[in-house]
Amino acid sequence: MSQLQIPREFIQLLLARTELVDLIDGRIPLRKKSSNNYFACCPFHTEKSASFSVSQNKQFYYCFGCGAHGNAIDFLMQYDRLSFPEAIEALAKLAGMEIPREANTAAKPAVSNDIYDLLANITKYYQTELRKSERAIDYLKERAMTGEIARDFCIGYAPPGWDHVLQTFGKTASLKQQLLDAGMLIKKDEGGYYDRFRERIMFPIHDRRGRVIGFGGRVLDKGEPKYLNSPETPVFQKGHELYGLYQALQANRQLDRVLIVEGYMDVIALFQHEITYAVATLGTATTTHNLQRLFRYSKEIIFCFDGDQAGRTAAWRALQVALPIARDDIQIRFMFLPEGEDPDTLVRKEGKAAFEQLMQAALPLSSFFFQSISAQSDLSNMDGRARFVNLATEHLNQLPAGILQKMMFEELAKKARIDVAQLTQPQKRTHKKPSASKARSPSSLRLAITLLVQEPQLATNINEVMPIFEIPGAALFIELLENIKQYAFPNTGALLEFWRDRTEATLLKKLAQTEHMIPAAGLKNEFLGAIEQLRKLAHNQQINQLLEKAGQNALSPEEKQLLHELIHTKKS
């Protein structure tokens, strides 16, 4: 999809033309419970009673069980696991609308669909060549790969020879350039091209939408490199992709955990033994981008490494990548295999149950961390414990502030035989009495914002300019009011879309699902009552400010007249 920006006006029009109830009902059956609300069992967590609510008026969904919420765009991002641009693209297709673009000089050039079509056709070519090669088929049989799993992963074969792909798909100069851009050709120094992959089992690499973006090729016999991957291309960045993730998402509506292994055959062997949640990095160490992507789908990640020193070293590198994003709501564990085994050989030898039992014994991040750090110091003496504390603290400070970090510092203090207070610098807290202008926002302001979020059309009842008042939330209320009048948001879903990626979005979404218990017939009066209270608040604040200034003999004649009028108005 193009990197050009999508106009905000188009997104609002797209939401206006999208019926959220129909969109969701096409994926999970909804039943009507009241005039404008529909319910179902939540698709985002396991439950027996329906707590997933869809409001037709608000064009907003909310689950009372797990808290999932949002508009049509959010639903596609959560349910179909799409990115924001992909969700817009899907909704536009359903609505029969073409997405306009806003020029952005800093944007990267758009990726043509031609490259995806080309890679898809090359995948089919390799699959056809596999069926012709007895040698390649025998190799896969020796590795105990079934025809079904080969089909599901689109396994193929690049035959011997220097120019099969070139001759088949590079008939013209522009097609040769496409093949080069896709990483399928290598340019000769003396001119011309030759195929990158030759005489290798081919493993297509899919993105999360199922499109082929690159390949991994394995030699049949001995040879170097054993595995050869596609180079970086406009559609393929090694540190951003994971082999098998697309298949794992297809096989599991909810990924309870993800197992990260090292090779293509490991992923395939595990899938063949019904362990359908394994993925592999693509010739690189695990990156922060890899982990952040996986945490979108699962709250538990298990790294799988060889049990030798090289495996332990690789695990320590993975732990260092994981520390800065190890939040309290996720779990990271480390699994080490018996010497001489890899996931492919072990699962074929021991079976699914034994492999998963070994997985259950995987070390939590905290255990592996202290095990690794302890091995570098002698804890039997003070000097060693001081070194231990110094090494550990450097890494623990990378953890996000939270319960896990606190508990790991407590464990560090226990192992070092010191007080935990010596490891952390307590922040000095100052307690200031809040001023009148910083007082807690009155319920009238919260009610006014809540009603505006849930019923944006109520803004049309305010004809006079709102006076300025100083309390937390006042600026948000004024901005909310002005934007509703300017853009005429038809419902809650459209309004919240305007605030996407703003810091206020979390609060507005919370207010969107608040039950205010006001009957529809009384909404206007309640809203206007809250507005009147805010006007009175602004009136009183203005009087207090002028009185404070009068106490300093600093009022101008005009301010004295204004103060007199304000007090008179208040009394009357």
Protein backbone atom coordinates (compact mmCIF):
# COMPACT_ATOMS: atom_id res chain seq x y z
CA MET A 1 0.00 0.00 0.00
CA SER A 2 1.20 3.48 -0.79
CA GLN A 3 3.02 5.43 1.87
CA LEU A 4 1.12 8.57 0.88
CA GLN A 5 -1.07 9.89 3.65
CA ILE A 6 -4.81 9.21 3.64
CA PRO A 7 -6.85 12.42 4.02
CA ARG A 8 -8.70 12.67 7.32
CA GLU A 9 -11.86 13.74 5.50
CA PHE A 10 -11.84 10.50 3.49
CA ILE A 11 -11.55 8.40 6.66
CA GLN A 12 -14.54 10.21 8.17
CA LEU A 13 -16.57 9.68 4.98
CA LEU A 14 -15.56 6.01 4.91
CA LEU A 15 -16.75 5.51 8.50
CA ALA A 16 -20.01 7.30 7.70
CA ARG A 17 -20.64 4.81 4.88
CA THR A 18 -19.72 1.77 6.98
CA GLU A 19 -22.36 0.07 9.12
CA LEU A 20 -20.51 -1.43 12.08
CA VAL A 21 -23.29 -3.88 12.94
CA ASP A 22 -23.20 -5.40 9.44
CA LEU A 23 -19.41 -5.49 9.42
CA ILE A 24 -19.20 -7.39 12.72
CA ASP A 25 -22.24 -9.58 12.04
CA GLY A 26 -20.50 -10.80 8.90
CA ARG A 27 -17.81 -12.30 11.11
CA ILE A 28 -19.55 -13.18 14.38
CA PRO A 29 -23.34 -13.62 14.77
CA LEU A 30 -24.93 -10.72 16.67
CA ARG A 31 -28.28 -10.80 18.42
CA LYS A 32 -30.39 -7.74 19.13
CA LYS A 33 -30.97 -7.08 22.82
CA SER A 34 -32.34 -3.53 22.75
CA SER A 35 -33.41 -0.97 20.17
CA ASN A 36 -29.87 0.05 19.20
CA ASN A 37 -27.53 -2.47 20.85
CA TYR A 38 -26.40 -5.90 19.72
CA PHE A 39 -24.56 -8.56 21.70
CA ALA A 40 -22.37 -11.61 21.09
CA CYS A 41 -19.72 -13.68 22.83
CA CYS A 42 -16.52 -11.70 22.52
CA PRO A 43 -14.23 -12.80 19.66
CA PHE A 44 -11.17 -11.52 21.51
CA HIS A 45 -11.33 -13.72 24.61
CA THR A 46 -12.99 -16.97 25.69
CA GLU A 47 -16.33 -16.56 27.48
CA LYS A 48 -19.63 -18.38 27.89
CA SER A 49 -22.02 -15.44 28.29
CA ALA A 50 -22.28 -12.61 25.75
CA SER A 51 -20.49 -9.49 26.99
CA PHE A 52 -19.50 -8.04 23.62
CA SER A 53 -21.76 -5.07 22.87
CA VAL A 54 -22.16 -3.21 19.56
CA SER A 55 -23.97 0.13 19.55
CA GLN A 56 -25.60 1.01 16.24
CA ASN A 57 -26.13 4.63 17.26
CA LYS A 58 -22.55 5.17 18.42
CA GLN A 59 -20.95 2.91 15.75
CA PHE A 60 -18.79 1.67 18.62
CA TYR A 61 -18.18 -1.76 20.16
CA TYR A 62 -17.13 -2.65 23.68
CA CYS A 63 -16.53 -5.88 25.60
CA PHE A 64 -17.41 -5.75 29.29
CA GLY A 65 -15.21 -8.80 29.84
CA CYS A 66 -11.83 -7.95 28.31
CA GLY A 67 -12.26 -4.26 27.51
CA ALA A 68 -11.80 -4.56 23.73
CA HIS A 69 -13.36 -1.50 22.09
CA GLY A 70 -13.33 0.75 19.05
CA ASN A 71 -14.92 1.63 15.72
CA ALA A 72 -15.00 -0.24 12.39
CA ILE A 73 -11.31 0.41 11.75
CA ASP A 74 -10.33 -0.88 15.20
CA PHE A 75 -12.43 -4.01 14.71
CA LEU A 76 -10.68 -4.97 11.49
CA MET A 77 -7.30 -4.23 13.06
CA GLN A 78 -8.11 -6.49 16.03
CA TYR A 79 -10.20 -9.23 14.40
CA ASP A 80 -8.50 -9.51 11.00
CA ARG A 81 -5.13 -8.48 12.46
CA LEU A 82 -4.60 -5.71 9.93
CA SER A 83 -2.50 -2.59 10.20
CA PHE A 84 -4.27 0.77 10.14
CA PRO A 85 -3.69 1.36 6.38
CA GLU A 86 -4.75 -2.23 5.63
CA ALA A 87 -7.99 -1.75 7.58
CA ILE A 88 -8.73 1.45 5.64
CA GLU A 89 -8.02 -0.42 2.42
CA ALA A 90 -10.39 -3.25 3.39
CA LEU A 91 -13.23 -0.89 4.38
CA ALA A 92 -12.79 1.15 1.21
CA LYS A 93 -13.07 -2.01 -0.86
CA LEU A 94 -16.29 -2.99 0.94
CA ALA A 95 -17.70 0.51 0.42
CA GLY A 96 -16.64 0.64 -3.23
CA MET A 97 -14.52 3.74 -2.59
CA GLU A 98 -11.11 4.66 -3.98
CA ILE A 99 -8.58 5.92 -1.45
CA PRO A 100 -7.19 9.36 -2.32
CA ARG A 101 -3.66 10.26 -1.31
CA GLU A 102 -2.07 13.37 0.10
CA ALA A 103 1.41 14.00 -1.27
CA ASN A 104 4.19 13.64 1.26
CA THR A 105 7.63 14.55 0.00
CA ALA A 106 9.29 12.60 2.81
CA ALA A 107 7.36 9.42 2.03
CA LYS A 108 8.96 6.35 0.48
CA PRO A 109 7.92 5.44 -3.06
CA ALA A 110 4.88 3.20 -3.29
CA VAL A 111 5.38 -0.55 -3.73
CA SER A 112 3.66 -1.82 -6.85
CA ASN A 113 1.41 -4.87 -6.65
CA ASP A 114 3.44 -6.21 -9.58
CA ILE A 115 6.22 -7.35 -7.24
CA TYR A 116 3.75 -9.36 -5.12
CA ASP A 117 2.21 -10.91 -8.26
CA LEU A 118 5.67 -11.76 -9.58
CA LEU A 119 6.73 -13.48 -6.36
CA ALA A 120 3.43 -15.38 -6.23
CA ASN A 121 3.99 -16.67 -9.77
CA ILE A 122 7.57 -17.67 -8.99
CA THR A 123 6.27 -19.59 -5.94
CA LYS A 124 3.93 -21.58 -8.21
CA TYR A 125 6.82 -22.20 -10.59
CA TYR A 126 8.98 -23.60 -7.79
CA GLN A 127 6.08 -25.82 -6.62
CA THR A 128 5.73 -27.22 -10.13
CA GLU A 129 9.46 -27.88 -10.33
CA LEU A 130 9.31 -29.73 -6.99
CA ARG A 131 6.74 -32.16 -8.39
CA LYS A 132 9.10 -32.88 -11.31
CA SER A 133 12.18 -33.60 -9.17
CA GLU A 134 12.43 -37.07 -7.63
CA ARG A 135 15.64 -36.01 -5.90
CA ALA A 136 13.95 -33.07 -4.16
CA ILE A 137 10.92 -35.18 -3.23
CA ASP A 138 13.17 -37.91 -1.78
CA TYR A 139 14.98 -35.29 0.30
CA LEU A 140 11.71 -34.02 1.79
CA LYS A 141 10.60 -37.60 2.49
CA GLU A 142 13.88 -38.22 4.32
CA ARG A 143 13.05 -35.17 6.45
CA ALA A 144 9.60 -36.75 7.07
CA MET A 145 7.77 -33.83 5.46
CA THR A 146 4.26 -34.75 4.33
CA GLY A 147 2.67 -33.58 1.11
CA GLU A 148 0.01 -31.71 3.07
CA ILE A 149 2.49 -29.64 5.06
CA ALA A 150 4.51 -28.95 1.90
CA ARG A 151 1.32 -27.67 0.30
CA ASP A 152 0.35 -25.52 3.30
CA PHE A 153 3.78 -23.85 3.35
CA CYS A 154 4.01 -23.70 -0.48
CA ILE A 155 7.34 -25.56 -0.48
CA GLY A 156 9.06 -25.65 -3.89
CA TYR A 157 12.32 -26.43 -5.64
CA ALA A 158 14.74 -24.27 -7.64
CA PRO A 159 16.22 -26.64 -10.27
CA PRO A 160 19.91 -26.73 -11.24
CA GLY A 161 20.91 -24.12 -13.78
CA TRP A 162 21.77 -20.45 -13.90
CA ASP A 163 18.82 -18.84 -15.63
CA HIS A 164 15.52 -20.73 -15.22
CA VAL A 165 13.75 -17.87 -13.42
CA LEU A 166 15.44 -15.34 -15.67
CA GLN A 167 14.25 -17.08 -18.86
CA THR A 168 10.75 -17.81 -17.54
CA PHE A 169 9.92 -14.45 -15.98
CA GLY A 170 12.42 -11.98 -17.48
CA LYS A 171 11.39 -11.75 -21.13
CA THR A 172 11.81 -7.97 -21.31
CA ALA A 173 14.18 -5.40 -19.82
CA SER A 174 11.46 -4.10 -17.46
CA LEU A 175 10.67 -7.64 -16.27
CA LYS A 176 14.36 -8.28 -15.65
CA GLN A 177 14.44 -5.12 -13.55
CA GLN A 178 11.39 -6.34 -11.56
CA LEU A 179 13.15 -9.65 -10.87
CA LEU A 180 16.24 -7.78 -9.75
CA ASP A 181 14.16 -5.50 -7.48
CA ALA A 182 12.46 -8.58 -6.01
CA GLY A 183 15.84 -10.13 -5.15
CA MET A 184 15.47 -13.03 -7.56
CA LEU A 185 18.43 -12.16 -9.80
CA ILE A 186 22.07 -11.23 -9.28
CA LYS A 187 23.73 -8.79 -11.67
CA LYS A 188 26.98 -9.91 -13.27
CA ASP A 189 29.98 -7.59 -13.18
CA GLU A 190 30.44 -7.99 -16.92
CA GLY A 191 26.75 -7.40 -17.62
CA GLY A 192 23.67 -9.59 -17.64
CA TYR A 193 22.00 -11.53 -14.81
CA TYR A 194 21.73 -14.99 -13.28
CA ASP A 195 19.29 -16.69 -10.86
CA ARG A 196 19.96 -16.14 -7.17
CA PHE A 197 18.50 -19.53 -6.16
CA ARG A 198 19.71 -22.74 -7.81
CA GLU A 199 19.30 -26.38 -6.81
CA ARG A 200 17.66 -25.59 -3.47
CA ILE A 201 14.49 -26.49 -1.59
CA MET A 202 12.54 -23.23 -1.59
CA PHE A 203 10.65 -21.87 1.41
CA PRO A 204 8.41 -18.91 0.49
CA ILE A 205 8.26 -16.23 3.18
CA HIS A 206 4.80 -14.71 3.65
CA ASP A 207 3.81 -11.42 5.21
CA ARG A 208 0.90 -11.26 7.65
CA ARG A 209 -1.53 -10.88 4.74
CA GLY A 210 -0.30 -14.09 3.13
CA ARG A 211 1.61 -12.43 0.28
CA VAL A 212 4.97 -13.92 -0.69
CA ILE A 213 7.67 -11.32 -0.01
CA GLY A 214 10.84 -13.39 -0.29
CA PHE A 215 12.38 -16.85 -0.15
CA GLY A 216 14.72 -19.01 1.85
CA GLY A 217 16.56 -21.75 -0.03
CA ARG A 218 18.28 -24.84 1.43
CA VAL A 219 20.88 -26.91 -0.38
CA LEU A 220 19.99 -30.56 -0.90
CA ASP A 221 23.39 -31.94 -0.05
CA LYS A 222 26.52 -30.30 1.29
CA GLY A 223 27.26 -26.77 0.22
CA GLU A 224 27.62 -23.23 1.42
CA PRO A 225 25.69 -21.38 2.42
CA LYS A 226 23.43 -24.08 3.77
CA TYR A 227 20.55 -21.59 3.82
CA LEU A 228 20.30 -18.62 1.46
CA ASN A 229 17.73 -15.88 2.00
CA SER A 230 16.37 -13.20 -0.29
CA PRO A 231 18.17 -9.86 0.11
CA GLU A 232 16.47 -6.75 1.47
CA THR A 233 13.90 -5.49 -1.04
CA PRO A 234 11.07 -2.92 -1.03
CA VAL A 235 8.75 -5.62 0.38
CA PHE A 236 11.15 -7.70 2.48
CA GLN A 237 13.12 -6.57 5.53
CA LYS A 238 14.66 -9.51 7.39
CA GLY A 239 14.52 -7.91 10.83
CA HIS A 240 10.81 -7.17 10.45
CA GLU A 241 9.50 -10.55 9.30
CA LEU A 242 9.10 -13.98 10.89
CA TYR A 243 8.82 -17.26 9.01
CA GLY A 244 5.61 -19.12 9.85
CA LEU A 245 3.79 -16.20 11.48
CA TYR A 246 1.18 -16.08 8.72
CA GLN A 247 0.53 -19.82 9.03
CA ALA A 248 0.37 -19.56 12.83
CA LEU A 249 -2.24 -16.81 12.60
CA GLN A 250 -4.24 -18.86 10.10
CA ALA A 251 -4.15 -21.93 12.35
CA ASN A 252 -5.02 -20.11 15.60
CA ARG A 253 -7.70 -17.50 16.13
CA GLN A 254 -6.01 -16.71 19.45
CA LEU A 255 -2.29 -17.33 19.94
CA ASP A 256 -1.90 -18.26 23.61
CA ARG A 257 1.85 -18.43 23.14
CA VAL A 258 4.49 -18.18 20.40
CA LEU A 259 7.61 -20.34 20.17
CA ILE A 260 10.59 -18.70 18.44
CA VAL A 261 12.95 -21.22 16.81
CA GLU A 262 15.91 -20.84 14.48
CA GLY A 263 15.10 -22.59 11.19
CA TYR A 264 12.46 -23.15 8.51
CA MET A 265 12.49 -26.92 8.98
CA ASP A 266 12.02 -26.49 12.73
CA VAL A 267 8.82 -24.50 12.13
CA ILE A 268 7.51 -27.01 9.58
CA ALA A 269 8.30 -30.07 11.72
CA LEU A 270 6.55 -28.52 14.72
CA PHE A 271 3.49 -27.61 12.63
CA GLN A 272 3.40 -31.15 11.29
CA HIS A 273 3.20 -32.37 14.91
CA GLU A 274 0.33 -29.93 15.64
CA ILE A 275 2.50 -27.35 17.42
CA THR A 276 1.07 -24.60 15.25
CA TYR A 277 2.47 -21.59 17.06
CA ALA A 278 6.15 -21.73 16.05
CA VAL A 279 7.92 -19.01 14.07
CA ALA A 280 11.54 -18.49 13.00
CA THR A 281 13.74 -15.46 12.50
CA LEU A 282 15.15 -15.00 9.00
CA GLY A 283 18.87 -15.45 9.34
CA THR A 284 19.17 -12.70 11.94
CA ALA A 285 18.95 -12.50 15.72
CA THR A 286 15.54 -11.63 17.16
CA THR A 287 14.86 -7.90 16.88
CA THR A 288 12.79 -5.51 18.94
CA HIS A 289 10.51 -5.17 15.92
CA ASN A 290 9.97 -8.96 15.89
CA LEU A 291 8.97 -8.99 19.56
CA GLN A 292 6.72 -5.95 19.36
CA ARG A 293 4.89 -7.54 16.46
CA LEU A 294 4.46 -10.86 18.29
CA PHE A 295 3.14 -9.14 21.42
CA ARG A 296 0.28 -7.83 19.29
CA TYR A 297 -0.89 -11.43 18.95
CA SER A 298 0.20 -13.16 22.15
CA LYS A 299 1.15 -12.34 25.73
CA GLU A 300 3.66 -15.21 26.02
CA ILE A 301 6.81 -15.77 23.99
CA ILE A 302 9.14 -18.73 24.42
CA PHE A 303 12.62 -18.64 22.90
CA CYS A 304 14.00 -22.04 21.90
CA PHE A 305 17.78 -22.53 21.77
CA ASP A 306 20.35 -25.32 21.68
CA GLY A 307 21.58 -26.28 25.13
CA ASP A 308 25.27 -25.71 24.31
CA GLN A 309 27.30 -22.56 25.02
CA ALA A 310 26.47 -21.07 21.63
CA GLY A 311 22.77 -21.49 22.41
CA ARG A 312 23.18 -19.84 25.81
CA THR A 313 25.03 -16.93 24.23
CA ALA A 314 22.27 -16.48 21.65
CA ALA A 315 19.67 -16.62 24.43
CA TRP A 316 21.48 -13.90 26.40
CA ARG A 317 21.46 -11.67 23.30
CA ALA A 318 17.72 -12.29 22.92
CA LEU A 319 17.17 -11.41 26.59
CA GLN A 320 18.97 -8.09 26.12
CA VAL A 321 16.65 -7.26 23.21
CA ALA A 322 13.61 -8.25 25.27
CA LEU A 323 14.40 -6.33 28.49
CA PRO A 324 13.30 -2.83 27.35
CA ILE A 325 9.88 -4.11 26.29
CA ALA A 326 9.27 -6.69 29.06
CA ARG A 327 6.05 -5.20 30.42
CA ASP A 328 4.21 -6.61 33.43
CA ASP A 329 1.38 -8.02 31.29
CA ILE A 330 3.59 -10.25 29.14
CA GLN A 331 5.71 -13.34 29.79
CA ILE A 332 9.03 -14.23 28.17
CA ARG A 333 10.65 -17.63 28.73
CA PHE A 334 13.76 -19.47 27.54
CA MET A 335 13.79 -23.12 26.52
CA PHE A 336 17.04 -25.09 26.06
CA LEU A 337 17.13 -28.36 24.12
CA PRO A 338 19.17 -31.47 24.97
CA GLU A 339 22.65 -31.55 23.44
CA GLY A 340 22.70 -32.50 19.79
CA GLU A 341 18.98 -31.87 19.26
CA ASP A 342 17.05 -29.20 17.42
CA PRO A 343 13.24 -28.78 17.36
CA ASP A 344 13.00 -30.68 14.07
CA THR A 345 14.82 -33.80 15.29
CA LEU A 346 13.43 -33.68 18.83
CA VAL A 347 9.75 -33.41 17.96
CA ARG A 348 10.05 -36.20 15.39
CA LYS A 349 11.84 -38.40 17.93
CA GLU A 350 9.80 -37.62 21.07
CA GLY A 351 6.45 -36.39 19.73
CA LYS A 352 4.22 -33.42 20.58
CA ALA A 353 3.46 -34.26 24.23
CA ALA A 354 7.10 -34.70 25.24
CA PHE A 355 8.16 -31.57 23.38
CA GLU A 356 5.46 -29.45 25.04
CA GLN A 357 6.38 -30.91 28.42
CA LEU A 358 9.93 -29.71 27.87
CA MET A 359 8.51 -26.34 26.86
CA GLN A 360 6.62 -26.11 30.15
CA ALA A 361 9.96 -26.27 31.96
CA ALA A 362 11.27 -23.22 30.08
CA LEU A 363 12.97 -20.65 32.33
CA PRO A 364 11.15 -17.38 33.01
CA LEU A 365 13.06 -14.27 31.96
CA SER A 366 13.88 -13.44 35.59
CA SER A 367 15.32 -16.91 36.30
CA PHE A 368 17.45 -16.98 33.17
CA PHE A 369 18.65 -13.44 33.87
CA PHE A 370 19.88 -14.15 37.38
CA GLN A 371 21.28 -17.52 36.33
CA SER A 372 23.37 -15.83 33.61
CA ILE A 373 24.51 -12.87 35.73
CA SER A 374 25.39 -15.09 38.71
CA ALA A 375 27.66 -17.19 36.51
CA GLN A 376 29.83 -14.11 35.91
CA SER A 377 30.46 -13.35 39.62
CA ASP A 378 31.51 -15.07 42.82
CA LEU A 379 28.68 -14.48 45.29
CA SER A 380 30.59 -15.97 48.20
CA ASN A 381 32.49 -12.74 48.85
CA MET A 382 31.70 -9.02 48.99
CA ASP A 383 33.78 -8.12 45.95
CA GLY A 384 31.95 -10.68 43.82
CA ARG A 385 28.55 -9.57 45.10
CA ALA A 386 29.43 -5.93 44.34
CA ARG A 387 30.32 -6.93 40.78
CA PHE A 388 27.10 -8.95 40.59
CA VAL A 389 25.03 -5.93 41.66
CA ASN A 390 26.84 -3.65 39.21
CA LEU A 391 26.28 -6.01 36.27
CA ALA A 392 22.65 -6.71 37.13
CA THR A 393 21.66 -3.09 37.82
CA GLU A 394 22.89 -1.97 34.43
CA HIS A 395 20.43 -4.35 32.77
CA LEU A 396 17.52 -4.04 35.21
CA ASN A 397 17.40 -0.29 34.65
CA GLN A 398 16.41 -1.08 31.05
CA LEU A 399 13.18 -2.75 32.21
CA PRO A 400 10.00 -0.67 31.98
CA ALA A 401 9.08 0.73 35.40
CA GLY A 402 6.56 -1.60 36.99
CA ILE A 403 6.02 -4.63 39.17
CA LEU A 404 8.48 -6.90 37.32
CA GLN A 405 11.30 -4.38 37.65
CA LYS A 406 10.53 -3.87 41.35
CA MET A 407 10.47 -7.60 42.05
CA MET A 408 13.73 -8.19 40.17
CA PHE A 409 15.46 -5.46 42.17
CA GLU A 410 14.14 -7.11 45.34
CA GLU A 411 15.54 -10.46 44.19
CA LEU A 412 18.85 -8.81 43.35
CA ALA A 413 19.03 -7.29 46.84
CA LYS A 414 18.27 -10.69 48.39
CA LYS A 415 21.02 -12.44 46.42
CA ALA A 416 23.52 -9.65 47.15
CA ARG A 417 22.54 -9.61 50.86
CA ILE A 418 21.82 -5.87 50.92
CA ASP A 419 18.79 -3.66 51.46
CA VAL A 420 16.79 -3.03 48.29
CA ALA A 421 16.74 0.69 49.17
CA GLN A 422 20.47 0.76 48.40
CA LEU A 423 19.75 -0.28 44.81
CA THR A 424 17.19 2.35 43.92
CA GLN A 425 17.10 6.08 44.37
CA PRO A 426 13.80 6.99 45.99
CA GLN A 427 12.22 10.07 44.43
CA LYS A 428 11.59 12.99 46.72
CA ARG A 429 7.93 13.81 46.77
CA THR A 430 6.60 17.27 47.38
CA HIS A 431 3.07 17.73 48.57
CA LYS A 432 1.52 20.97 47.43
CA LYS A 433 -1.93 22.05 48.28
CA PRO A 434 -3.83 22.30 45.01
CA SER A 435 -4.84 25.81 44.06
CA ALA A 436 -8.39 26.68 43.17
CA SER A 437 -7.54 26.69 39.49
CA LYS A 438 -6.10 23.15 39.76
CA ALA A 439 -8.99 21.73 41.74
CA ARG A 440 -10.51 18.43 40.70
CA SER A 441 -12.73 18.64 37.63
CA PRO A 442 -16.37 18.80 38.75
CA SER A 443 -18.78 16.07 37.68
CA SER A 444 -20.56 18.54 35.38
CA LEU A 445 -17.48 18.77 33.14
CA ARG A 446 -17.06 14.99 32.99
CA LEU A 447 -20.76 14.59 32.23
CA ALA A 448 -20.62 17.23 29.47
CA ILE A 449 -17.61 15.53 27.82
CA THR A 450 -19.18 12.07 28.20
CA LEU A 451 -22.43 13.15 26.58
CA LEU A 452 -20.61 14.92 23.75
CA VAL A 453 -18.57 11.79 23.03
CA GLN A 454 -21.63 9.56 23.05
CA GLU A 455 -24.04 12.00 21.38
CA PRO A 456 -22.00 14.49 19.28
CA GLN A 457 -25.14 16.15 17.91
CA LEU A 458 -25.78 17.67 21.36
CA ALA A 459 -23.16 20.31 20.46
CA THR A 460 -25.71 21.99 18.19
CA ASN A 461 -27.57 23.12 21.34
CA ILE A 462 -24.72 25.46 22.33
CA ASN A 463 -25.08 28.69 20.38
CA GLU A 464 -23.13 31.09 22.59
CA VAL A 465 -19.36 31.02 22.93
CA MET A 466 -18.27 29.11 26.03
CA PRO A 467 -16.43 31.28 28.58
CA ILE A 468 -12.92 30.32 29.69
CA PHE A 469 -12.62 28.33 32.92
CA GLU A 470 -9.54 26.77 34.47
CA ILE A 471 -9.87 23.16 35.63
CA PRO A 472 -8.33 19.92 34.35
CA GLY A 473 -10.19 18.81 31.24
CA ALA A 474 -11.46 22.28 30.27
CA ALA A 475 -9.16 22.54 27.24
CA LEU A 476 -10.26 19.10 26.02
CA PHE A 477 -13.93 20.07 26.39
CA ILE A 478 -13.48 23.28 24.38
CA GLU A 479 -11.51 21.49 21.65
CA LEU A 480 -14.07 18.71 21.56
CA LEU A 481 -16.90 21.20 21.18
CA GLU A 482 -15.14 23.17 18.44
CA ASN A 483 -14.22 20.08 16.42
CA ILE A 484 -17.73 18.62 16.61
CA LYS A 485 -19.16 21.89 15.28
CA GLN A 486 -16.52 22.07 12.53
CA TYR A 487 -16.59 18.45 11.34
CA ALA A 488 -20.15 17.40 12.33
CA PHE A 489 -19.18 13.91 13.50
CA PRO A 490 -22.25 11.71 12.97
CA ASN A 491 -21.48 9.25 15.78
CA THR A 492 -19.03 8.18 18.47
CA GLY A 493 -16.94 5.99 16.16
CA ALA A 494 -16.26 8.87 13.78
CA LEU A 495 -15.46 11.27 16.65
CA LEU A 496 -12.97 8.88 18.25
CA GLU A 497 -11.26 8.34 14.91
CA PHE A 498 -10.45 12.07 14.86
CA TRP A 499 -8.53 11.63 18.15
CA ARG A 500 -6.66 8.45 17.12
CA ASP A 501 -3.03 8.56 18.30
CA ARG A 502 -3.73 11.57 20.54
CA THR A 503 -3.00 11.29 24.27
CA GLU A 504 -6.64 12.15 25.02
CA ALA A 505 -7.88 9.14 23.02
CA THR A 506 -7.69 6.75 25.99
CA LEU A 507 -9.91 8.97 28.16
CA LEU A 508 -12.41 9.59 25.36
CA LYS A 509 -12.72 5.86 24.65
CA LYS A 510 -13.31 5.22 28.35
CA LEU A 511 -16.05 7.86 28.41
CA ALA A 512 -17.56 6.41 25.24
CA GLN A 513 -18.36 3.18 27.08
CA THR A 514 -19.51 4.82 30.34
CA GLU A 515 -23.08 4.01 31.39
CA HIS A 516 -24.63 7.38 32.35
CA MET A 517 -28.14 5.95 32.97
CA ILE A 518 -29.84 9.02 31.45
CA PRO A 519 -32.91 8.19 29.33
CA ALA A 520 -32.78 9.38 25.73
CA ALA A 521 -35.57 11.89 26.32
CA GLY A 522 -33.58 13.59 29.07
CA LEU A 523 -30.17 13.81 27.37
CA LYS A 524 -30.60 17.35 26.06
CA ASN A 525 -31.72 18.77 29.40
CA GLU A 526 -28.94 16.98 31.32
CA PHE A 527 -26.37 18.25 28.86
CA LEU A 528 -27.61 21.83 28.99
CA GLY A 529 -27.71 21.61 32.79
CA ALA A 530 -24.04 20.59 32.83
CA ILE A 531 -23.19 23.44 30.44
CA GLU A 532 -24.97 25.92 32.74
CA GLN A 533 -22.90 24.68 35.70
CA LEU A 534 -19.71 25.20 33.70
CA ARG A 535 -20.79 28.74 32.79
CA LYS A 536 -21.39 29.47 36.49
CA LEU A 537 -17.98 28.02 37.32
CA ALA A 538 -16.35 30.30 34.73
CA HIS A 539 -18.34 33.26 36.13
CA ASN A 540 -17.19 32.60 39.71
CA GLN A 541 -13.58 32.08 38.66
CA GLN A 542 -13.59 35.43 36.88
CA ILE A 543 -15.03 37.15 39.98
CA ASN A 544 -12.39 35.52 42.24
CA GLN A 545 -9.57 36.57 39.92
CA LEU A 546 -10.78 40.19 39.90
CA LEU A 547 -11.27 40.21 43.68
CA GLU A 548 -7.73 38.93 44.16
CA LYS A 549 -6.47 41.71 41.92
CA ALA A 550 -8.61 44.25 43.79
CA GLY A 551 -6.93 43.20 47.04
CA GLN A 552 -3.68 44.38 45.51
CA ASN A 553 -5.23 47.70 44.38
CA ALA A 554 -4.44 46.75 40.82
CA LEU A 555 -7.87 46.99 39.15
CA SER A 556 -8.31 49.29 36.18
CA PRO A 557 -11.55 51.34 35.91
CA GLU A 558 -12.80 48.92 33.24
CA GLU A 559 -12.09 45.91 35.48
CA LYS A 560 -13.89 47.58 38.40
CA GLN A 561 -16.95 48.03 36.20
CA LEU A 562 -16.72 44.42 35.01
CA LEU A 563 -16.45 43.13 38.60
CA HIS A 564 -19.52 45.14 39.58
CA GLU A 565 -21.51 43.69 36.66
CA LEU A 566 -20.41 40.14 37.38
CA ILE A 567 -21.38 40.35 41.06
CA HIS A 568 -24.73 41.90 40.15
CA THR A 569 -25.40 39.15 37.62
CA LYS A 570 -24.54 36.47 40.18
CA LYS A 571 -26.91 37.93 42.77
CA SER A 572 -29.73 38.22 40.28
